[in-house]
Amino acid sequence: MRLKRLMIAAMAAIAVGAVGYSPPAQGAPPDESTCLDLGMAKDNLMLATKAETARKNADALEKYDPPDSVKGAIEHFVTTVGAQPSDPDLDAQRTLIANWLKQMCPKLSTS
């Protein structure tokens, strides 16, 4: 009997935990307005001249759960404080972000 009560309590705790958790919708693409915001965040990250600006725009992009390679590219531009012409990884890192955005928002111009 006691084991049965523990099992019921555990199942209730799992149910409560599951209801409180809402993962991002993986199947639904962002709407047009959100895509424009993401494009602006990408552009502002590339043009950042202050660490705070780079971080703010990186956070805006990272809210949309990019894959690890894209997170790495976003963080690269936070570290370099925007796109730096002398950066040997500039094109590769920028392309990772642009391709991810294009996959989510096909109508978005990422060039």
PDB file of N, CA and C in Angstrom:
ATOM      1  N   MET A   1       0.822  -1.188   0.000  1.00  0.00           N
ATOM      2  CA  MET A   1       0.000   0.000   0.000  1.00  0.00           C
ATOM      3  C   MET A   1       0.870   1.258   0.000  1.00  0.00           C
ATOM      4  N   ARG A   2       1.915   1.225   0.828  1.00  0.00           N
ATOM      5  CA  ARG A   2       2.786   2.392   0.901  1.00  0.00           C
ATOM      6  C   ARG A   2       3.501   2.624  -0.438  1.00  0.00           C
ATOM      7  N   LEU A   3       3.945   1.543  -1.059  1.00  0.00           N
ATOM      8  CA  LEU A   3       4.609   1.635  -2.350  1.00  0.00           C
ATOM      9  C   LEU A   3       3.661   2.230  -3.391  1.00  0.00           C
ATOM     10  N   LYS A   4       2.397   1.826  -3.321  1.00  0.00           N
ATOM     11  CA  LYS A   4       1.413   2.341  -4.266  1.00  0.00           C
ATOM     12  C   LYS A   4       1.232   3.849  -4.087  1.00  0.00           C
ATOM     13  N   ARG A   5       1.207   4.329  -2.858  1.00  0.00           N
ATOM     14  CA  ARG A   5       1.086   5.771  -2.588  1.00  0.00           C
ATOM     15  C   ARG A   5       2.304   6.530  -3.110  1.00  0.00           C
ATOM     16  N   LEU A   6       3.492   5.944  -2.911  1.00  0.00           N
ATOM     17  CA  LEU A   6       4.712   6.580  -3.420  1.00  0.00           C
ATOM     18  C   LEU A   6       4.688   6.671  -4.934  1.00  0.00           C
ATOM     19  N   MET A   7       4.217   5.625  -5.576  1.00  0.00           N
ATOM     20  CA  MET A   7       4.136   5.629  -7.044  1.00  0.00           C
ATOM     21  C   MET A   7       3.164   6.708  -7.523  1.00  0.00           C
ATOM     22  N   ILE A   8       2.029   6.819  -6.852  1.00  0.00           N
ATOM     23  CA  ILE A   8       1.041   7.832  -7.233  1.00  0.00           C
ATOM     24  C   ILE A   8       1.613   9.236  -7.018  1.00  0.00           C
ATOM     25  N   ALA A   9       2.287   9.436  -5.896  1.00  0.00           N
ATOM     26  CA  ALA A   9       2.892  10.742  -5.619  1.00  0.00           C
ATOM     27  C   ALA A   9       3.956  11.073  -6.656  1.00  0.00           C
ATOM     28  N   ALA A  10       4.749  10.099  -7.038  1.00  0.00           N
ATOM     29  CA  ALA A  10       5.798  10.328  -8.044  1.00  0.00           C
ATOM     30  C   ALA A  10       5.178  10.676  -9.389  1.00  0.00           C
ATOM     31  N   MET A  11       4.117   9.962  -9.754  1.00  0.00           N
ATOM     32  CA  MET A  11       3.462  10.244 -11.033  1.00  0.00           C
ATOM     33  C   MET A  11       2.830  11.633 -11.020  1.00  0.00           C
ATOM     34  N   ALA A  12       2.266  12.022  -9.890  1.00  0.00           N
ATOM     35  CA  ALA A  12       1.685  13.359  -9.784  1.00  0.00           C
ATOM     36  C   ALA A  12       2.761  14.432  -9.912  1.00  0.00           C
ATOM     37  N   ALA A  13       3.910  14.192  -9.287  1.00  0.00           N
ATOM     38  CA  ALA A  13       5.015  15.156  -9.380  1.00  0.00           C
ATOM     39  C   ALA A  13       5.506  15.287 -10.814  1.00  0.00           C
ATOM     40  N   ILE A  14       5.579  14.173 -11.514  1.00  0.00           N
ATOM     41  CA  ILE A  14       6.001  14.207 -12.916  1.00  0.00           C
ATOM     42  C   ILE A  14       4.984  14.976 -13.749  1.00  0.00           C
ATOM     43  N   ALA A  15       3.703  14.728 -13.503  1.00  0.00           N
ATOM     44  CA  ALA A  15       2.651  15.422 -14.249  1.00  0.00           C
ATOM     45  C   ALA A  15       2.707  16.929 -14.007  1.00  0.00           C
ATOM     46  N   VAL A  16       2.890  17.338 -12.758  1.00  0.00           N
ATOM     47  CA  VAL A  16       2.988  18.759 -12.431  1.00  0.00           C
ATOM     48  C   VAL A  16       4.204  19.363 -13.103  1.00  0.00           C
ATOM     49  N   GLY A  17       5.317  18.652 -13.079  1.00  0.00           N
ATOM     50  CA  GLY A  17       6.535  19.142 -13.725  1.00  0.00           C
ATOM     51  C   GLY A  17       6.350  19.277 -15.220  1.00  0.00           C
ATOM     52  N   ALA A  18       5.674  18.315 -15.821  1.00  0.00           N
ATOM     53  CA  ALA A  18       5.470  18.348 -17.270  1.00  0.00           C
ATOM     54  C   ALA A  18       4.547  19.485 -17.676  1.00  0.00           C
ATOM     55  N   VAL A  19       3.525  19.761 -16.900  1.00  0.00           N
ATOM     56  CA  VAL A  19       2.601  20.840 -17.225  1.00  0.00           C
ATOM     57  C   VAL A  19       3.304  22.195 -17.135  1.00  0.00           C
ATOM     58  N   GLY A  20       4.207  22.342 -16.192  1.00  0.00           N
ATOM     59  CA  GLY A  20       4.913  23.602 -16.029  1.00  0.00           C
ATOM     60  C   GLY A  20       5.988  23.848 -17.060  1.00  0.00           C
ATOM     61  N   TYR A  21       6.318  22.840 -17.844  1.00  0.00           N
ATOM     62  CA  TYR A  21       7.376  22.968 -18.835  1.00  0.00           C
ATOM     63  C   TYR A  21       6.761  23.093 -20.208  1.00  0.00           C
ATOM     64  N   SER A  22       7.133  24.106 -20.944  1.00  0.00           N
ATOM     65  CA  SER A  22       6.638  24.243 -22.309  1.00  0.00           C
ATOM     66  C   SER A  22       7.812  24.520 -23.235  1.00  0.00           C
ATOM     67  N   PRO A  23       8.306  23.478 -23.908  1.00  0.00           N
ATOM     68  CA  PRO A  23       9.425  23.664 -24.813  1.00  0.00           C
ATOM     69  C   PRO A  23       9.004  24.509 -26.012  1.00  0.00           C
ATOM     70  N   PRO A  24       9.975  25.130 -26.695  1.00  0.00           N
ATOM     71  CA  PRO A  24       9.622  25.921 -27.867  1.00  0.00           C
ATOM     72  C   PRO A  24       9.018  25.032 -28.948  1.00  0.00           C
ATOM     73  N   ALA A  25       8.095  25.579 -29.702  1.00  0.00           N
ATOM     74  CA  ALA A  25       7.467  24.821 -30.777  1.00  0.00           C
ATOM     75  C   ALA A  25       8.485  24.575 -31.876  1.00  0.00           C
ATOM     76  N   GLN A  26       8.844  23.324 -32.064  1.00  0.00           N
ATOM     77  CA  GLN A  26       9.871  22.987 -33.047  1.00  0.00           C
ATOM     78  C   GLN A  26       9.315  22.989 -34.469  1.00  0.00           C
ATOM     79  N   GLY A  27       8.052  22.629 -34.647  1.00  0.00           N
ATOM     80  CA  GLY A  27       7.511  22.489 -35.983  1.00  0.00           C
ATOM     81  C   GLY A  27       7.076  23.802 -36.608  1.00  0.00           C
ATOM     82  N   ALA A  28       6.615  24.734 -35.822  1.00  0.00           N
ATOM     83  CA  ALA A  28       6.072  25.973 -36.359  1.00  0.00           C
ATOM     84  C   ALA A  28       7.184  26.979 -36.626  1.00  0.00           C
ATOM     85  N   PRO A  29       7.290  27.461 -37.874  1.00  0.00           N
ATOM     86  CA  PRO A  29       8.306  28.479 -38.150  1.00  0.00           C
ATOM     87  C   PRO A  29       7.900  29.813 -37.543  1.00  0.00           C
ATOM     88  N   PRO A  30       8.884  30.670 -37.283  1.00  0.00           N
ATOM     89  CA  PRO A  30       8.548  31.997 -36.750  1.00  0.00           C
ATOM     90  C   PRO A  30       7.717  32.787 -37.761  1.00  0.00           C
ATOM     91  N   ASP A  31       6.884  33.685 -37.257  1.00  0.00           N
ATOM     92  CA  ASP A  31       6.108  34.520 -38.169  1.00  0.00           C
ATOM     93  C   ASP A  31       7.019  35.566 -38.818  1.00  0.00           C
ATOM     94  N   GLU A  32       6.469  36.283 -39.780  1.00  0.00           N
ATOM     95  CA  GLU A  32       7.261  37.241 -40.561  1.00  0.00           C
ATOM     96  C   GLU A  32       7.889  38.326 -39.688  1.00  0.00           C
ATOM     97  N   SER A  33       7.134  38.815 -38.730  1.00  0.00           N
ATOM     98  CA  SER A  33       7.643  39.855 -37.834  1.00  0.00           C
ATOM     99  C   SER A  33       8.830  39.334 -37.012  1.00  0.00           C
ATOM    100  N   THR A  34       8.695  38.126 -36.501  1.00  0.00           N
ATOM    101  CA  THR A  34       9.783  37.526 -35.726  1.00  0.00           C
ATOM    102  C   THR A  34      11.004  37.308 -36.610  1.00  0.00           C
ATOM    103  N   CYS A  35      10.779  36.874 -37.837  1.00  0.00           N
ATOM    104  CA  CYS A  35      11.900  36.676 -38.763  1.00  0.00           C
ATOM    105  C   CYS A  35      12.638  37.997 -39.014  1.00  0.00           C
ATOM    106  N   LEU A  36      11.889  39.078 -39.157  1.00  0.00           N
ATOM    107  CA  LEU A  36      12.530  40.382 -39.343  1.00  0.00           C
ATOM    108  C   LEU A  36      13.342  40.766 -38.108  1.00  0.00           C
ATOM    109  N   ASP A  37      12.788  40.482 -36.923  1.00  0.00           N
ATOM    110  CA  ASP A  37      13.510  40.760 -35.679  1.00  0.00           C
ATOM    111  C   ASP A  37      14.799  39.936 -35.603  1.00  0.00           C
ATOM    112  N   LEU A  38      14.729  38.680 -36.009  1.00  0.00           N
ATOM    113  CA  LEU A  38      15.922  37.823 -36.008  1.00  0.00           C
ATOM    114  C   LEU A  38      16.966  38.338 -36.995  1.00  0.00           C
ATOM    115  N   GLY A  39      16.506  38.773 -38.165  1.00  0.00           N
ATOM    116  CA  GLY A  39      17.429  39.334 -39.152  1.00  0.00           C
ATOM    117  C   GLY A  39      18.109  40.592 -38.635  1.00  0.00           C
ATOM    118  N   MET A  40      17.332  41.430 -37.949  1.00  0.00           N
ATOM    119  CA  MET A  40      17.910  42.650 -37.367  1.00  0.00           C
ATOM    120  C   MET A  40      18.902  42.309 -36.257  1.00  0.00           C
ATOM    121  N   ALA A  41      18.567  41.315 -35.448  1.00  0.00           N
ATOM    122  CA  ALA A  41      19.480  40.908 -34.376  1.00  0.00           C
ATOM    123  C   ALA A  41      20.795  40.399 -34.963  1.00  0.00           C
ATOM    124  N   LYS A  42      20.709  39.631 -36.048  1.00  0.00           N
ATOM    125  CA  LYS A  42      21.925  39.146 -36.724  1.00  0.00           C
ATOM    126  C   LYS A  42      22.742  40.320 -37.262  1.00  0.00           C
ATOM    127  N   ASP A  43      22.081  41.248 -37.939  1.00  0.00           N
ATOM    128  CA  ASP A  43      22.778  42.408 -38.498  1.00  0.00           C
ATOM    129  C   ASP A  43      23.411  43.246 -37.384  1.00  0.00           C
ATOM    130  N   ASN A  44      22.656  43.471 -36.307  1.00  0.00           N
ATOM    131  CA  ASN A  44      23.175  44.273 -35.199  1.00  0.00           C
ATOM    132  C   ASN A  44      24.337  43.575 -34.493  1.00  0.00           C
ATOM    133  N   LEU A  45      24.299  42.246 -34.435  1.00  0.00           N
ATOM    134  CA  LEU A  45      25.425  41.499 -33.872  1.00  0.00           C
ATOM    135  C   LEU A  45      26.667  41.707 -34.731  1.00  0.00           C
ATOM    136  N   MET A  46      26.499  41.652 -36.039  1.00  0.00           N
ATOM    137  CA  MET A  46      27.642  41.835 -36.945  1.00  0.00           C
ATOM    138  C   MET A  46      28.218  43.249 -36.849  1.00  0.00           C
ATOM    139  N   LEU A  47      27.349  44.227 -36.631  1.00  0.00           N
ATOM    140  CA  LEU A  47      27.775  45.630 -36.608  1.00  0.00           C
ATOM    141  C   LEU A  47      28.138  46.146 -35.216  1.00  0.00           C
ATOM    142  N   ALA A  48      28.027  45.286 -34.215  1.00  0.00           N
ATOM    143  CA  ALA A  48      28.266  45.721 -32.836  1.00  0.00           C
ATOM    144  C   ALA A  48      29.657  46.324 -32.661  1.00  0.00           C
ATOM    145  N   THR A  49      29.700  47.408 -31.899  1.00  0.00           N
ATOM    146  CA  THR A  49      30.982  48.041 -31.557  1.00  0.00           C
ATOM    147  C   THR A  49      31.198  48.042 -30.044  1.00  0.00           C
ATOM    148  N   LYS A  50      30.190  47.536 -29.323  1.00  0.00           N
ATOM    149  CA  LYS A  50      30.286  47.439 -27.866  1.00  0.00           C
ATOM    150  C   LYS A  50      29.911  46.022 -27.451  1.00  0.00           C
ATOM    151  N   ALA A  51      30.571  45.522 -26.426  1.00  0.00           N
ATOM    152  CA  ALA A  51      30.304  44.169 -25.944  1.00  0.00           C
ATOM    153  C   ALA A  51      28.843  44.003 -25.520  1.00  0.00           C
ATOM    154  N   GLU A  52      28.269  45.034 -24.888  1.00  0.00           N
ATOM    155  CA  GLU A  52      26.881  44.952 -24.424  1.00  0.00           C
ATOM    156  C   GLU A  52      25.911  44.792 -25.598  1.00  0.00           C
ATOM    157  N   THR A  53      26.170  45.505 -26.673  1.00  0.00           N
ATOM    158  CA  THR A  53      25.320  45.417 -27.862  1.00  0.00           C
ATOM    159  C   THR A  53      25.418  44.032 -28.485  1.00  0.00           C
ATOM    160  N   ALA A  54      26.634  43.521 -28.577  1.00  0.00           N
ATOM    161  CA  ALA A  54      26.825  42.179 -29.126  1.00  0.00           C
ATOM    162  C   ALA A  54      26.085  41.146 -28.276  1.00  0.00           C
ATOM    163  N   ARG A  55      26.216  41.238 -26.966  1.00  0.00           N
ATOM    164  CA  ARG A  55      25.573  40.281 -26.057  1.00  0.00           C
ATOM    165  C   ARG A  55      24.057  40.336 -26.180  1.00  0.00           C
ATOM    166  N   LYS A  56      23.500  41.560 -26.224  1.00  0.00           N
ATOM    167  CA  LYS A  56      22.044  41.732 -26.324  1.00  0.00           C
ATOM    168  C   LYS A  56      21.507  41.064 -27.588  1.00  0.00           C
ATOM    169  N   ASN A  57      22.169  41.264 -28.709  1.00  0.00           N
ATOM    170  CA  ASN A  57      21.708  40.686 -29.966  1.00  0.00           C
ATOM    171  C   ASN A  57      21.963  39.184 -30.029  1.00  0.00           C
ATOM    172  N   ALA A  58      23.030  38.724 -29.414  1.00  0.00           N
ATOM    173  CA  ALA A  58      23.282  37.290 -29.323  1.00  0.00           C
ATOM    174  C   ALA A  58      22.177  36.616 -28.512  1.00  0.00           C
ATOM    175  N   ASP A  59      21.808  37.236 -27.408  1.00  0.00           N
ATOM    176  CA  ASP A  59      20.733  36.685 -26.578  1.00  0.00           C
ATOM    177  C   ASP A  59      19.422  36.591 -27.350  1.00  0.00           C
ATOM    178  N   ALA A  60      19.142  37.605 -28.162  1.00  0.00           N
ATOM    179  CA  ALA A  60      17.916  37.596 -28.962  1.00  0.00           C
ATOM    180  C   ALA A  60      17.916  36.416 -29.934  1.00  0.00           C
ATOM    181  N   LEU A  61      19.049  36.126 -30.536  1.00  0.00           N
ATOM    182  CA  LEU A  61      19.148  34.990 -31.461  1.00  0.00           C
ATOM    183  C   LEU A  61      19.082  33.663 -30.720  1.00  0.00           C
ATOM    184  N   GLU A  62      19.749  33.587 -29.594  1.00  0.00           N
ATOM    185  CA  GLU A  62      19.842  32.328 -28.855  1.00  0.00           C
ATOM    186  C   GLU A  62      18.516  31.922 -28.212  1.00  0.00           C
ATOM    187  N   LYS A  63      17.574  32.849 -28.099  1.00  0.00           N
ATOM    188  CA  LYS A  63      16.240  32.497 -27.594  1.00  0.00           C
ATOM    189  C   LYS A  63      15.560  31.472 -28.496  1.00  0.00           C
ATOM    190  N   TYR A  64      15.989  31.392 -29.741  1.00  0.00           N
ATOM    191  CA  TYR A  64      15.355  30.511 -30.715  1.00  0.00           C
ATOM    192  C   TYR A  64      16.100  29.187 -30.856  1.00  0.00           C
ATOM    193  N   ASP A  65      16.883  28.846 -29.837  1.00  0.00           N
ATOM    194  CA  ASP A  65      17.504  27.530 -29.693  1.00  0.00           C
ATOM    195  C   ASP A  65      18.261  27.065 -30.944  1.00  0.00           C
ATOM    196  N   PRO A  66      19.283  27.835 -31.347  1.00  0.00           N
ATOM    197  CA  PRO A  66      20.067  27.402 -32.506  1.00  0.00           C
ATOM    198  C   PRO A  66      20.872  26.148 -32.180  1.00  0.00           C
ATOM    199  N   PRO A  67      21.268  25.391 -33.201  1.00  0.00           N
ATOM    200  CA  PRO A  67      22.132  24.240 -32.956  1.00  0.00           C
ATOM    201  C   PRO A  67      23.482  24.695 -32.385  1.00  0.00           C
ATOM    202  N   ASP A  68      24.203  23.767 -31.806  1.00  0.00           N
ATOM    203  CA  ASP A  68      25.473  24.105 -31.142  1.00  0.00           C
ATOM    204  C   ASP A  68      26.450  24.836 -32.046  1.00  0.00           C
ATOM    205  N   SER A  69      26.532  24.430 -33.312  1.00  0.00           N
ATOM    206  CA  SER A  69      27.476  25.096 -34.217  1.00  0.00           C
ATOM    207  C   SER A  69      27.109  26.558 -34.418  1.00  0.00           C
ATOM    208  N   VAL A  70      25.817  26.844 -34.472  1.00  0.00           N
ATOM    209  CA  VAL A  70      25.358  28.229 -34.640  1.00  0.00           C
ATOM    210  C   VAL A  70      25.550  29.006 -33.342  1.00  0.00           C
ATOM    211  N   LYS A  71      25.279  28.371 -32.204  1.00  0.00           N
ATOM    212  CA  LYS A  71      25.556  29.027 -30.918  1.00  0.00           C
ATOM    213  C   LYS A  71      27.022  29.419 -30.845  1.00  0.00           C
ATOM    214  N   GLY A  72      27.887  28.527 -31.297  1.00  0.00           N
ATOM    215  CA  GLY A  72      29.319  28.833 -31.311  1.00  0.00           C
ATOM    216  C   GLY A  72      29.639  30.018 -32.195  1.00  0.00           C
ATOM    217  N   ALA A  73      28.978  30.091 -33.342  1.00  0.00           N
ATOM    218  CA  ALA A  73      29.192  31.221 -34.253  1.00  0.00           C
ATOM    219  C   ALA A  73      28.687  32.521 -33.640  1.00  0.00           C
ATOM    220  N   ILE A  74      27.535  32.467 -33.000  1.00  0.00           N
ATOM    221  CA  ILE A  74      26.990  33.656 -32.338  1.00  0.00           C
ATOM    222  C   ILE A  74      27.951  34.129 -31.254  1.00  0.00           C
ATOM    223  N   GLU A  75      28.405  33.191 -30.441  1.00  0.00           N
ATOM    224  CA  GLU A  75      29.343  33.545 -29.364  1.00  0.00           C
ATOM    225  C   GLU A  75      30.668  34.060 -29.916  1.00  0.00           C
ATOM    226  N   HIS A  76      31.059  33.579 -31.082  1.00  0.00           N
ATOM    227  CA  HIS A  76      32.280  34.072 -31.726  1.00  0.00           C
ATOM    228  C   HIS A  76      32.183  35.586 -31.929  1.00  0.00           C
ATOM    229  N   PHE A  77      31.021  36.038 -32.410  1.00  0.00           N
ATOM    230  CA  PHE A  77      30.854  37.472 -32.671  1.00  0.00           C
ATOM    231  C   PHE A  77      30.650  38.285 -31.398  1.00  0.00           C
ATOM    232  N   VAL A  78      30.243  37.639 -30.327  1.00  0.00           N
ATOM    233  CA  VAL A  78      30.212  38.327 -29.035  1.00  0.00           C
ATOM    234  C   VAL A  78      31.648  38.542 -28.576  1.00  0.00           C
ATOM    235  N   THR A  79      32.460  37.508 -28.734  1.00  0.00           N
ATOM    236  CA  THR A  79      33.868  37.582 -28.318  1.00  0.00           C
ATOM    237  C   THR A  79      34.646  38.611 -29.124  1.00  0.00           C
ATOM    238  N   THR A  80      34.394  38.663 -30.427  1.00  0.00           N
ATOM    239  CA  THR A  80      35.122  39.609 -31.283  1.00  0.00           C
ATOM    240  C   THR A  80      34.469  40.994 -31.296  1.00  0.00           C
ATOM    241  N   VAL A  81      33.339  41.136 -30.614  1.00  0.00           N
ATOM    242  CA  VAL A  81      32.535  42.371 -30.596  1.00  0.00           C
ATOM    243  C   VAL A  81      32.211  42.781 -32.032  1.00  0.00           C
ATOM    244  N   GLY A  82      31.400  41.942 -32.657  1.00  0.00           N
ATOM    245  CA  GLY A  82      30.961  42.197 -34.023  1.00  0.00           C
ATOM    246  C   GLY A  82      31.877  41.546 -35.039  1.00  0.00           C
ATOM    247  N   ALA A  83      31.527  41.756 -36.295  1.00  0.00           N
ATOM    248  CA  ALA A  83      32.313  41.212 -37.403  1.00  0.00           C
ATOM    249  C   ALA A  83      33.541  42.095 -37.615  1.00  0.00           C
ATOM    250  N   GLN A  84      34.701  41.482 -37.534  1.00  0.00           N
ATOM    251  CA  GLN A  84      35.964  42.217 -37.718  1.00  0.00           C
ATOM    252  C   GLN A  84      36.592  41.799 -39.044  1.00  0.00           C
ATOM    253  N   PRO A  85      36.901  42.762 -39.923  1.00  0.00           N
ATOM    254  CA  PRO A  85      37.452  42.427 -41.240  1.00  0.00           C
ATOM    255  C   PRO A  85      38.714  41.562 -41.177  1.00  0.00           C
ATOM    256  N   SER A  86      39.483  41.688 -40.119  1.00  0.00           N
ATOM    257  CA  SER A  86      40.731  40.919 -40.017  1.00  0.00           C
ATOM    258  C   SER A  86      40.513  39.511 -39.451  1.00  0.00           C
ATOM    259  N   ASP A  87      39.282  39.171 -39.102  1.00  0.00           N
ATOM    260  CA  ASP A  87      38.960  37.869 -38.512  1.00  0.00           C
ATOM    261  C   ASP A  87      39.013  36.785 -39.588  1.00  0.00           C
ATOM    262  N   PRO A  88      39.913  35.810 -39.458  1.00  0.00           N
ATOM    263  CA  PRO A  88      40.003  34.754 -40.477  1.00  0.00           C
ATOM    264  C   PRO A  88      38.775  33.837 -40.494  1.00  0.00           C
ATOM    265  N   ASP A  89      37.992  33.827 -39.422  1.00  0.00           N
ATOM    266  CA  ASP A  89      36.804  32.979 -39.343  1.00  0.00           C
ATOM    267  C   ASP A  89      35.512  33.715 -39.674  1.00  0.00           C
ATOM    268  N   LEU A  90      35.625  34.954 -40.066  1.00  0.00           N
ATOM    269  CA  LEU A  90      34.449  35.801 -40.299  1.00  0.00           C
ATOM    270  C   LEU A  90      33.436  35.147 -41.232  1.00  0.00           C
ATOM    271  N   ASP A  91      33.856  34.775 -42.424  1.00  0.00           N
ATOM    272  CA  ASP A  91      32.911  34.248 -43.409  1.00  0.00           C
ATOM    273  C   ASP A  91      32.270  32.943 -42.965  1.00  0.00           C
ATOM    274  N   ALA A  92      33.062  32.046 -42.421  1.00  0.00           N
ATOM    275  CA  ALA A  92      32.526  30.745 -41.996  1.00  0.00           C
ATOM    276  C   ALA A  92      31.510  30.916 -40.868  1.00  0.00           C
ATOM    277  N   GLN A  93      31.823  31.757 -39.890  1.00  0.00           N
ATOM    278  CA  GLN A  93      30.924  31.960 -38.759  1.00  0.00           C
ATOM    279  C   GLN A  93      29.646  32.684 -39.191  1.00  0.00           C
ATOM    280  N   ARG A  94      29.796  33.684 -40.026  1.00  0.00           N
ATOM    281  CA  ARG A  94      28.633  34.436 -40.523  1.00  0.00           C
ATOM    282  C   ARG A  94      27.722  33.528 -41.350  1.00  0.00           C
ATOM    283  N   THR A  95      28.317  32.650 -42.155  1.00  0.00           N
ATOM    284  CA  THR A  95      27.541  31.729 -42.991  1.00  0.00           C
ATOM    285  C   THR A  95      26.738  30.747 -42.149  1.00  0.00           C
ATOM    286  N   LEU A  96      27.321  30.264 -41.048  1.00  0.00           N
ATOM    287  CA  LEU A  96      26.581  29.363 -40.160  1.00  0.00           C
ATOM    288  C   LEU A  96      25.302  30.024 -39.651  1.00  0.00           C
ATOM    289  N   ILE A  97      25.418  31.268 -39.215  1.00  0.00           N
ATOM    290  CA  ILE A  97      24.253  31.995 -38.692  1.00  0.00           C
ATOM    291  C   ILE A  97      23.252  32.259 -39.818  1.00  0.00           C
ATOM    292  N   ALA A  98      23.736  32.716 -40.962  1.00  0.00           N
ATOM    293  CA  ALA A  98      22.855  33.042 -42.083  1.00  0.00           C
ATOM    294  C   ALA A  98      22.094  31.808 -42.569  1.00  0.00           C
ATOM    295  N   ASN A  99      22.769  30.676 -42.665  1.00  0.00           N
ATOM    296  CA  ASN A  99      22.103  29.456 -43.131  1.00  0.00           C
ATOM    297  C   ASN A  99      21.032  28.992 -42.147  1.00  0.00           C
ATOM    298  N   TRP A 100      21.311  29.117 -40.855  1.00  0.00           N
ATOM    299  CA  TRP A 100      20.324  28.749 -39.834  1.00  0.00           C
ATOM    300  C   TRP A 100      19.096  29.651 -39.946  1.00  0.00           C
ATOM    301  N   LEU A 101      19.319  30.952 -40.087  1.00  0.00           N
ATOM    302  CA  LEU A 101      18.201  31.879 -40.217  1.00  0.00           C
ATOM    303  C   LEU A 101      17.399  31.596 -41.481  1.00  0.00           C
ATOM    304  N   LYS A 102      18.089  31.304 -42.572  1.00  0.00           N
ATOM    305  CA  LYS A 102      17.428  31.033 -43.849  1.00  0.00           C
ATOM    306  C   LYS A 102      16.577  29.764 -43.756  1.00  0.00           C
ATOM    307  N   GLN A 103      17.051  28.807 -42.983  1.00  0.00           N
ATOM    308  CA  GLN A 103      16.298  27.573 -42.785  1.00  0.00           C
ATOM    309  C   GLN A 103      15.000  27.847 -42.015  1.00  0.00           C
ATOM    310  N   MET A 104      15.064  28.709 -41.010  1.00  0.00           N
ATOM    311  CA  MET A 104      13.876  29.048 -40.219  1.00  0.00           C
ATOM    312  C   MET A 104      12.970  30.034 -40.938  1.00  0.00           C
ATOM    313  N   CYS A 105      13.582  30.963 -41.652  1.00  0.00           N
ATOM    314  CA  CYS A 105      12.853  32.067 -42.288  1.00  0.00           C
ATOM    315  C   CYS A 105      13.258  32.157 -43.760  1.00  0.00           C
ATOM    316  N   PRO A 106      12.691  31.306 -44.610  1.00  0.00           N
ATOM    317  CA  PRO A 106      13.128  31.243 -46.021  1.00  0.00           C
ATOM    318  C   PRO A 106      13.027  32.564 -46.777  1.00  0.00           C
ATOM    319  N   LYS A 107      12.092  33.444 -46.385  1.00  0.00           N
ATOM    320  CA  LYS A 107      11.922  34.718 -47.084  1.00  0.00           C
ATOM    321  C   LYS A 107      12.899  35.792 -46.625  1.00  0.00           C
ATOM    322  N   LEU A 108      13.622  35.515 -45.549  1.00  0.00           N
ATOM    323  CA  LEU A 108      14.533  36.510 -44.988  1.00  0.00           C
ATOM    324  C   LEU A 108      15.797  36.635 -45.828  1.00  0.00           C
ATOM    325  N   SER A 109      16.158  37.859 -46.160  1.00  0.00           N
ATOM    326  CA  SER A 109      17.412  38.105 -46.864  1.00  0.00           C
ATOM    327  C   SER A 109      18.522  38.133 -45.833  1.00  0.00           C
ATOM    328  N   THR A 110      19.501  37.242 -45.965  1.00  0.00           N
ATOM    329  CA  THR A 110      20.563  37.140 -44.973  1.00  0.00           C
ATOM    330  C   THR A 110      21.905  37.611 -45.500  1.00  0.00           C
ATOM    331  N   SER A 111      21.927  38.231 -46.659  1.00  0.00           N
ATOM    332  CA  SER A 111      23.226  38.675 -47.187  1.00  0.00           C
ATOM    333  C   SER A 111      23.630  40.023 -46.668  1.00  0.00           C
TER     334      SER A 111
END
